[in-house]
PDB file of N, CA and C in Angstrom:
ATOM      1  N   MET A   1     108.179  89.952 -11.251  1.00  0.00           N
ATOM      2  CA  MET A   1     109.108  90.047 -11.622  1.00  0.00           C
ATOM      3  C   MET A   1     110.195  91.066 -12.583  1.00  0.00           C
ATOM      4  N   ILE A   2     109.268  91.945 -12.843  1.00  0.00           N
ATOM      5  CA  ILE A   2     109.904  93.394 -13.356  1.00  0.00           C
ATOM      6  C   ILE A   2     110.781  93.799 -12.324  1.00  0.00           C
ATOM      7  N   GLN A   3     110.550  93.782 -11.013  1.00  0.00           N
ATOM      8  CA  GLN A   3     111.348  94.646  -9.866  1.00  0.00           C
ATOM      9  C   GLN A   3     112.573  93.525  -9.947  1.00  0.00           C
ATOM     10  N   LEU A   4     112.635  92.549 -10.129  1.00  0.00           N
ATOM     11  CA  LEU A   4     113.821  91.759 -10.084  1.00  0.00           C
ATOM     12  C   LEU A   4     114.804  92.051 -11.434  1.00  0.00           C
ATOM     13  N   VAL A   5     114.102  91.601 -12.327  1.00  0.00           N
ATOM     14  CA  VAL A   5     114.899  92.597 -13.635  1.00  0.00           C
ATOM     15  C   VAL A   5     115.418  94.077 -13.633  1.00  0.00           C
ATOM     16  N   GLU A   6     114.901  94.725 -12.635  1.00  0.00           N
ATOM     17  CA  GLU A   6     115.272  96.033 -12.392  1.00  0.00           C
ATOM     18  C   GLU A   6     116.557  96.083 -11.600  1.00  0.00           C
ATOM     19  N   ARG A   7     116.263  95.278 -10.613  1.00  0.00           N
ATOM     20  CA  ARG A   7     117.378  95.024  -9.195  1.00  0.00           C
ATOM     21  C   ARG A   7     118.464  94.807  -9.864  1.00  0.00           C
ATOM     22  N   VAL A   8     118.707  93.698 -10.547  1.00  0.00           N
ATOM     23  CA  VAL A   8     119.656  92.654 -11.268  1.00  0.00           C
ATOM     24  C   VAL A   8     120.143  93.685 -12.187  1.00  0.00           C
ATOM     25  N   THR A   9     119.463  94.430 -12.935  1.00  0.00           N
ATOM     26  CA  THR A   9     120.145  95.455 -13.826  1.00  0.00           C
ATOM     27  C   THR A   9     120.702  96.575 -12.949  1.00  0.00           C
ATOM     28  N   ALA A  10     120.223  97.166 -12.180  1.00  0.00           N
ATOM     29  CA  ALA A  10     120.990  98.280 -11.273  1.00  0.00           C
ATOM     30  C   ALA A  10     122.005  97.925 -10.476  1.00  0.00           C
ATOM     31  N   THR A  11     122.260  96.548  -9.978  1.00  0.00           N
ATOM     32  CA  THR A  11     123.104  96.264  -9.089  1.00  0.00           C
ATOM     33  C   THR A  11     124.158  95.428  -9.527  1.00  0.00           C
ATOM     34  N   SER A  12     124.043  95.035 -11.116  1.00  0.00           N
ATOM     35  CA  SER A  12     125.131  94.003 -11.659  1.00  0.00           C
ATOM     36  C   SER A  12     125.211  94.669 -13.205  1.00  0.00           C
ATOM     37  N   LEU A  13     124.539  94.730 -13.797  1.00  0.00           N
ATOM     38  CA  LEU A  13     124.810  95.252 -15.062  1.00  0.00           C
ATOM     39  C   LEU A  13     125.157  96.467 -15.392  1.00  0.00           C
ATOM     40  N   VAL A  14     124.470  97.490 -14.969  1.00  0.00           N
ATOM     41  CA  VAL A  14     124.977  99.043 -14.867  1.00  0.00           C
ATOM     42  C   VAL A  14     126.249  99.328 -14.334  1.00  0.00           C
ATOM     43  N   PRO A  15     126.801  98.972 -13.363  1.00  0.00           N
ATOM     44  CA  PRO A  15     127.999  99.080 -12.773  1.00  0.00           C
ATOM     45  C   PRO A  15     129.400  98.222 -13.488  1.00  0.00           C
ATOM     46  N   ARG A  16     128.753  96.868 -14.368  1.00  0.00           N
ATOM     47  CA  ARG A  16     129.790  96.345 -15.114  1.00  0.00           C
ATOM     48  C   ARG A  16     130.165  97.073 -16.575  1.00  0.00           C
ATOM     49  N   PHE A  17     128.991  97.943 -16.745  1.00  0.00           N
ATOM     50  CA  PHE A  17     129.271  98.217 -17.789  1.00  0.00           C
ATOM     51  C   PHE A  17     129.541  99.896 -18.182  1.00  0.00           C
ATOM     52  N   SER A  18     129.293 100.526 -17.046  1.00  0.00           N
ATOM     53  CA  SER A  18     129.714 102.062 -16.912  1.00  0.00           C
ATOM     54  C   SER A  18     130.843 102.289 -16.674  1.00  0.00           C
ATOM     55  N   SER A  19     131.564 103.193 -16.883  1.00  0.00           N
ATOM     56  CA  SER A  19     132.548 103.765 -17.286  1.00  0.00           C
ATOM     57  C   SER A  19     133.038 104.951 -16.371  1.00  0.00           C
ATOM     58  N   THR A  20     134.349 105.106 -15.401  1.00  0.00           N
ATOM     59  CA  THR A  20     134.335 106.562 -14.885  1.00  0.00           C
ATOM     60  C   THR A  20     135.314 107.254 -16.014  1.00  0.00           C
ATOM     61  N   GLU A  21     135.246 108.563 -15.381  1.00  0.00           N
ATOM     62  CA  GLU A  21     136.170 109.487 -16.371  1.00  0.00           C
ATOM     63  C   GLU A  21     137.538 109.135 -16.582  1.00  0.00           C
ATOM     64  N   GLU A  22     138.072 108.432 -15.372  1.00  0.00           N
ATOM     65  CA  GLU A  22     139.557 107.889 -15.792  1.00  0.00           C
ATOM     66  C   GLU A  22     139.647 106.925 -16.457  1.00  0.00           C
ATOM     67  N   GLN A  23     138.543 106.144 -16.339  1.00  0.00           N
ATOM     68  CA  GLN A  23     138.592 104.560 -17.151  1.00  0.00           C
ATOM     69  C   GLN A  23     138.476 105.309 -18.466  1.00  0.00           C
ATOM     70  N   MET A  24     137.655 106.165 -18.910  1.00  0.00           N
ATOM     71  CA  MET A  24     137.689 106.568 -20.501  1.00  0.00           C
ATOM     72  C   MET A  24     138.783 107.178 -20.905  1.00  0.00           C
ATOM     73  N   ALA A  25     139.237 107.981 -20.042  1.00  0.00           N
ATOM     74  CA  ALA A  25     140.616 108.783 -20.251  1.00  0.00           C
ATOM     75  C   ALA A  25     141.933 108.026 -20.422  1.00  0.00           C
ATOM     76  N   ALA A  26     141.918 106.756 -20.034  1.00  0.00           N
ATOM     77  CA  ALA A  26     142.921 105.597 -20.105  1.00  0.00           C
ATOM     78  C   ALA A  26     142.539 104.989 -21.326  1.00  0.00           C
ATOM     79  N   ARG A  27     141.609 104.720 -21.395  1.00  0.00           N
ATOM     80  CA  ARG A  27     140.802 104.136 -22.765  1.00  0.00           C
ATOM     81  C   ARG A  27     141.493 105.026 -23.886  1.00  0.00           C
ATOM     82  N   LEU A  28     141.194 106.097 -24.090  1.00  0.00           N
ATOM     83  CA  LEU A  28     141.364 107.210 -25.387  1.00  0.00           C
ATOM     84  C   LEU A  28     142.883 107.709 -25.070  1.00  0.00           C
ATOM     85  N   THR A  29     143.564 107.416 -24.255  1.00  0.00           N
ATOM     86  CA  THR A  29     145.203 107.616 -24.136  1.00  0.00           C
ATOM     87  C   THR A  29     145.529 106.227 -25.076  1.00  0.00           C
ATOM     88  N   SER A  30     145.434 104.923 -24.347  1.00  0.00           N
ATOM     89  CA  SER A  30     145.632 103.671 -25.316  1.00  0.00           C
ATOM     90  C   SER A  30     145.196 103.904 -26.566  1.00  0.00           C
ATOM     91  N   LEU A  31     144.120 103.831 -27.037  1.00  0.00           N
ATOM     92  CA  LEU A  31     143.621 104.289 -28.375  1.00  0.00           C
ATOM     93  C   LEU A  31     144.871 105.348 -29.362  1.00  0.00           C
ATOM     94  N   GLY A  32     144.751 106.384 -28.517  1.00  0.00           N
ATOM     95  CA  GLY A  32     145.773 107.219 -29.126  1.00  0.00           C
ATOM     96  C   GLY A  32     147.204 106.516 -29.355  1.00  0.00           C
ATOM     97  N   LYS A  33     147.641 105.935 -28.631  1.00  0.00           N
ATOM     98  CA  LYS A  33     149.102 105.464 -28.741  1.00  0.00           C
ATOM     99  C   LYS A  33     149.347 104.090 -29.463  1.00  0.00           C
ATOM    100  N   LYS A  34     147.923 103.401 -29.571  1.00  0.00           N
ATOM    101  CA  LYS A  34     147.444 102.746 -30.801  1.00  0.00           C
ATOM    102  C   LYS A  34     147.750 102.987 -32.216  1.00  0.00           C
ATOM    103  N   LEU A  35     146.876 104.281 -32.148  1.00  0.00           N
ATOM    104  CA  LEU A  35     146.802 104.994 -33.450  1.00  0.00           C
ATOM    105  C   LEU A  35     148.240 105.468 -33.872  1.00  0.00           C
ATOM    106  N   GLU A  36     148.963 105.847 -32.902  1.00  0.00           N
ATOM    107  CA  GLU A  36     150.019 106.300 -33.703  1.00  0.00           C
ATOM    108  C   GLU A  36     151.559 105.707 -33.869  1.00  0.00           C
ATOM    109  N   ALA A  37     151.429 104.083 -33.028  1.00  0.00           N
ATOM    110  CA  ALA A  37     151.863 103.031 -33.894  1.00  0.00           C
ATOM    111  C   ALA A  37     151.475 102.668 -34.800  1.00  0.00           C
ATOM    112  N   MET A  38     150.132 102.837 -35.628  1.00  0.00           N
ATOM    113  CA  MET A  38     149.516 102.082 -36.782  1.00  0.00           C
ATOM    114  C   MET A  38     150.362 103.410 -37.887  1.00  0.00           C
ATOM    115  N   VAL A  39     150.096 104.450 -37.538  1.00  0.00           N
ATOM    116  CA  VAL A  39     150.499 105.630 -38.644  1.00  0.00           C
ATOM    117  C   VAL A  39     152.195 105.299 -38.746  1.00  0.00           C
ATOM    118  N   THR A  40     152.884 105.198 -37.607  1.00  0.00           N
ATOM    119  CA  THR A  40     154.173 104.663 -37.564  1.00  0.00           C
ATOM    120  C   THR A  40     154.574 103.800 -38.679  1.00  0.00           C
ATOM    121  N   GLY A  41     153.841 102.608 -38.417  1.00  0.00           N
ATOM    122  CA  GLY A  41     154.207 101.694 -39.260  1.00  0.00           C
ATOM    123  C   GLY A  41     153.986 101.544 -40.826  1.00  0.00           C
ATOM    124  N   LEU A  42     152.762 102.329 -40.975  1.00  0.00           N
ATOM    125  CA  LEU A  42     152.368 102.681 -42.145  1.00  0.00           C
ATOM    126  C   LEU A  42     153.441 103.815 -42.801  1.00  0.00           C
ATOM    127  N   SER A  43     154.092 104.403 -42.172  1.00  0.00           N
ATOM    128  CA  SER A  43     155.390 105.404 -43.011  1.00  0.00           C
ATOM    129  C   SER A  43     155.873 104.558 -43.207  1.00  0.00           C
ATOM    130  N   GLY A  44     156.626 103.497 -42.331  1.00  0.00           N
ATOM    131  CA  GLY A  44     157.541 102.547 -42.904  1.00  0.00           C
ATOM    132  C   GLY A  44     157.182 101.714 -43.888  1.00  0.00           C
ATOM    133  N   THR A  45     155.807 101.557 -43.978  1.00  0.00           N
ATOM    134  CA  THR A  45     155.809 100.693 -44.896  1.00  0.00           C
ATOM    135  C   THR A  45     155.612 101.479 -46.288  1.00  0.00           C
ATOM    136  N   GLN A  46     154.954 102.567 -46.084  1.00  0.00           N
ATOM    137  CA  GLN A  46     155.032 103.253 -47.577  1.00  0.00           C
ATOM    138  C   GLN A  46     156.511 103.487 -47.771  1.00  0.00           C
ATOM    139  N   THR A  47     157.623 103.888 -47.228  1.00  0.00           N
ATOM    140  CA  THR A  47     158.699 103.964 -47.557  1.00  0.00           C
ATOM    141  C   THR A  47     159.145 102.686 -48.100  1.00  0.00           C
ATOM    142  N   SER A  48     158.967 101.683 -47.882  1.00  0.00           N
ATOM    143  CA  SER A  48     159.582 100.222 -48.091  1.00  0.00           C
ATOM    144  C   SER A  48     158.975 100.168 -49.810  1.00  0.00           C
ATOM    145  N   ILE A  49     157.503 100.702 -49.940  1.00  0.00           N
ATOM    146  CA  ILE A  49     156.913 100.219 -50.958  1.00  0.00           C
ATOM    147  C   ILE A  49     157.406 101.547 -52.079  1.00  0.00           C
ATOM    148  N   GLY A  50     157.808 102.595 -51.608  1.00  0.00           N
ATOM    149  CA  GLY A  50     158.787 103.491 -52.144  1.00  0.00           C
ATOM    150  C   GLY A  50     159.873 102.739 -52.923  1.00  0.00           C
ATOM    151  N   GLU A  51     160.592 102.294 -51.981  1.00  0.00           N
ATOM    152  CA  GLU A  51     161.864 101.807 -52.348  1.00  0.00           C
ATOM    153  C   GLU A  51     161.824 100.756 -53.443  1.00  0.00           C
ATOM    154  N   ALA A  52     160.762  99.532 -53.282  1.00  0.00           N
ATOM    155  CA  ALA A  52     160.508  98.403 -54.094  1.00  0.00           C
ATOM    156  C   ALA A  52     160.340  99.033 -55.165  1.00  0.00           C
ATOM    157  N   SER A  53     159.398  99.998 -55.362  1.00  0.00           N
ATOM    158  CA  SER A  53     158.732 100.738 -56.473  1.00  0.00           C
ATOM    159  C   SER A  53     159.937 101.185 -57.330  1.00  0.00           C
ATOM    160  N   ARG A  54     160.993 101.897 -56.833  1.00  0.00           N
ATOM    161  CA  ARG A  54     162.172 102.244 -57.735  1.00  0.00           C
ATOM    162  C   ARG A  54     163.437 101.092 -58.071  1.00  0.00           C
ATOM    163  N   ALA A  55     163.254 100.389 -57.290  1.00  0.00           N
ATOM    164  CA  ALA A  55     164.354  98.931 -57.735  1.00  0.00           C
ATOM    165  C   ALA A  55     163.259  98.089 -58.451  1.00  0.00           C
ATOM    166  N   LEU A  56     162.142  98.283 -59.059  1.00  0.00           N
ATOM    167  CA  LEU A  56     161.410  97.548 -59.937  1.00  0.00           C
ATOM    168  C   LEU A  56     161.793  98.336 -61.139  1.00  0.00           C
ATOM    169  N   GLU A  57     161.782  99.532 -60.886  1.00  0.00           N
ATOM    170  CA  GLU A  57     161.753 100.454 -61.978  1.00  0.00           C
ATOM    171  C   GLU A  57     163.138 100.140 -62.806  1.00  0.00           C
ATOM    172  N   ASN A  58     164.284 100.057 -61.923  1.00  0.00           N
ATOM    173  CA  ASN A  58     165.607 100.149 -62.266  1.00  0.00           C
ATOM    174  C   ASN A  58     165.530  98.480 -63.386  1.00  0.00           C
ATOM    175  N   VAL A  59     164.791  97.591 -62.375  1.00  0.00           N
ATOM    176  CA  VAL A  59     165.091  96.204 -63.324  1.00  0.00           C
ATOM    177  C   VAL A  59     164.404  96.260 -64.333  1.00  0.00           C
ATOM    178  N   ILE A  60     163.401  96.996 -64.777  1.00  0.00           N
ATOM    179  CA  ILE A  60     162.747  97.005 -66.111  1.00  0.00           C
ATOM    180  C   ILE A  60     163.422  97.951 -66.874  1.00  0.00           C
ATOM    181  N   LYS A  61     163.904  98.779 -66.503  1.00  0.00           N
ATOM    182  CA  LYS A  61     165.395  99.821 -67.405  1.00  0.00           C
ATOM    183  C   LYS A  61     166.328  98.939 -68.114  1.00  0.00           C
ATOM    184  N   SER A  62     166.659  97.835 -66.974  1.00  0.00           N
ATOM    185  CA  SER A  62     167.685  97.190 -67.660  1.00  0.00           C
ATOM    186  C   SER A  62     167.364  96.170 -68.287  1.00  0.00           C
ATOM    187  N   HIS A  63     166.123  95.596 -68.195  1.00  0.00           N
ATOM    188  CA  HIS A  63     165.726  94.371 -69.189  1.00  0.00           C
ATOM    189  C   HIS A  63     165.027  94.956 -70.489  1.00  0.00           C
ATOM    190  N   LEU A  64     164.591  96.254 -70.546  1.00  0.00           N
ATOM    191  CA  LEU A  64     164.226  96.746 -71.704  1.00  0.00           C
ATOM    192  C   LEU A  64     165.465  97.155 -72.684  1.00  0.00           C
ATOM    193  N   GLN A  65     166.864  97.637 -71.807  1.00  0.00           N
ATOM    194  CA  GLN A  65     167.793  97.771 -72.385  1.00  0.00           C
ATOM    195  C   GLN A  65     168.667  96.479 -72.896  1.00  0.00           C
ATOM    196  N   ASP A  66     168.293  95.536 -72.211  1.00  0.00           N
ATOM    197  CA  ASP A  66     168.784  94.096 -72.689  1.00  0.00           C
ATOM    198  C   ASP A  66     167.912  93.861 -74.004  1.00  0.00           C
ATOM    199  N   TRP A  67     166.469  93.746 -73.816  1.00  0.00           N
ATOM    200  CA  TRP A  67     165.881  93.306 -75.069  1.00  0.00           C
ATOM    201  C   TRP A  67     165.950  94.299 -76.653  1.00  0.00           C
ATOM    202  N   GLU A  68     166.598  95.396 -76.177  1.00  0.00           N
ATOM    203  CA  GLU A  68     167.046  96.053 -77.598  1.00  0.00           C
ATOM    204  C   GLU A  68     168.273  95.770 -77.967  1.00  0.00           C
ATOM    205  N   GLU A  69     169.146  95.454 -77.170  1.00  0.00           N
ATOM    206  CA  GLU A  69     170.382  94.643 -77.683  1.00  0.00           C
ATOM    207  C   GLU A  69     170.183  93.482 -78.491  1.00  0.00           C
ATOM    208  N   ILE A  70     169.336  92.621 -77.643  1.00  0.00           N
ATOM    209  CA  ILE A  70     168.937  91.455 -78.482  1.00  0.00           C
ATOM    210  C   ILE A  70     168.008  91.314 -79.897  1.00  0.00           C
ATOM    211  N   SER A  71     167.196  92.401 -79.801  1.00  0.00           N
ATOM    212  CA  SER A  71     166.305  92.840 -81.190  1.00  0.00           C
ATOM    213  C   SER A  71     167.505  93.423 -82.154  1.00  0.00           C
ATOM    214  N   SER A  72     168.199  94.093 -81.775  1.00  0.00           N
ATOM    215  CA  SER A  72     169.181  94.717 -82.909  1.00  0.00           C
ATOM    216  C   SER A  72     170.399  93.529 -83.369  1.00  0.00           C
ATOM    217  N   GLY A  73     170.561  92.030 -82.308  1.00  0.00           N
ATOM    218  CA  GLY A  73     171.093  91.616 -82.780  1.00  0.00           C
ATOM    219  C   GLY A  73     170.385  90.536 -83.707  1.00  0.00           C
ATOM    220  N   LEU A  74     169.336  90.280 -83.274  1.00  0.00           N
ATOM    221  CA  LEU A  74     168.328  89.336 -84.387  1.00  0.00           C
ATOM    222  C   LEU A  74     168.059  90.015 -85.575  1.00  0.00           C
ATOM    223  N   LYS A  75     168.356  91.664 -85.447  1.00  0.00           N
ATOM    224  CA  LYS A  75     167.830  92.243 -87.183  1.00  0.00           C
ATOM    225  C   LYS A  75     169.599  91.992 -87.974  1.00  0.00           C
ATOM    226  N   LYS A  76     170.440  92.008 -87.017  1.00  0.00           N
ATOM    227  CA  LYS A  76     171.633  91.813 -87.831  1.00  0.00           C
ATOM    228  C   LYS A  76     171.994  90.400 -88.480  1.00  0.00           C
ATOM    229  N   ILE A  77     171.456  88.826 -87.504  1.00  0.00           N
ATOM    230  CA  ILE A  77     171.455  87.874 -88.122  1.00  0.00           C
ATOM    231  C   ILE A  77     170.452  87.770 -89.401  1.00  0.00           C
ATOM    232  N   ASP A  78     169.272  88.237 -89.162  1.00  0.00           N
ATOM    233  CA  ASP A  78     168.359  88.527 -90.380  1.00  0.00           C
ATOM    234  C   ASP A  78     168.980  89.010 -91.463  1.00  0.00           C
ATOM    235  N   GLN A  79     169.664  90.032 -91.242  1.00  0.00           N
ATOM    236  CA  GLN A  79     170.104  90.592 -92.441  1.00  0.00           C
ATOM    237  C   GLN A  79     171.141  90.113 -92.915  1.00  0.00           C
ATOM    238  N   THR A  80     172.154  89.112 -92.320  1.00  0.00           N
ATOM    239  CA  THR A  80     173.129  88.255 -92.543  1.00  0.00           C
ATOM    240  C   THR A  80     173.100  87.154 -93.678  1.00  0.00           C
ATOM    241  N   MET A  81     171.849  86.223 -92.941  1.00  0.00           N
ATOM    242  CA  MET A  81     171.217  85.621 -93.309  1.00  0.00           C
ATOM    243  C   MET A  81     170.767  85.669 -94.874  1.00  0.00           C
ATOM    244  N   LYS A  82     169.945  87.111 -95.068  1.00  0.00           N
ATOM    245  CA  LYS A  82     169.314  87.070 -96.055  1.00  0.00           C
ATOM    246  C   LYS A  82     170.338  87.451 -97.152  1.00  0.00           C
ATOM    247  N   GLN A  83     171.513  87.953 -96.807  1.00  0.00           N
ATOM    248  CA  GLN A  83     172.344  88.269 -97.651  1.00  0.00           C
ATOM    249  C   GLN A  83     173.146  86.870 -98.218  1.00  0.00           C
ATOM    250  N   GLY A  84     173.190  85.850 -97.067  1.00  0.00           N
ATOM    251  CA  GLY A  84     174.376  84.549 -97.219  1.00  0.00           C
ATOM    252  C   GLY A  84     173.251  83.434 -98.321  1.00  0.00           C
ATOM    253  N   PHE A  85     172.016  83.912 -98.069  1.00  0.00           N
ATOM    254  CA  PHE A  85     170.804  83.031 -99.046  1.00  0.00           C
ATOM    255  C   PHE A  85     170.871  83.836-100.064  1.00  0.00           C
ATOM    256  N   ARG A  86     170.986  85.191-100.290  1.00  0.00           N
ATOM    257  CA  ARG A  86     170.112  86.011-101.223  1.00  0.00           C
ATOM    258  C   ARG A  86     168.706  86.009-101.522  1.00  0.00           C
ATOM    259  N   LEU A  87     168.403  85.995-100.080  1.00  0.00           N
ATOM    260  CA  LEU A  87     166.576  86.382-100.289  1.00  0.00           C
ATOM    261  C   LEU A  87     166.432  87.773-100.486  1.00  0.00           C
TER     262      LEU A  87
END
């Protein structure tokens, strides 16, 4: 039984899972290309996030200016009403 397991291992399993230098080099080359593509994609994503961040900052600044104008207008309305009703 043990000899049969050894024979199957030697004739089937070891050749199936062993790699030659050429196969390993091809795998490393493929992994390198995939890694390069991922880094390029991450760089593009980082640029997009930076642009979105700047756009969001501009929107927030614009809204803050609008709120300041609204607040100022409400204060004027409050003062006018107090003067009108002599509160």
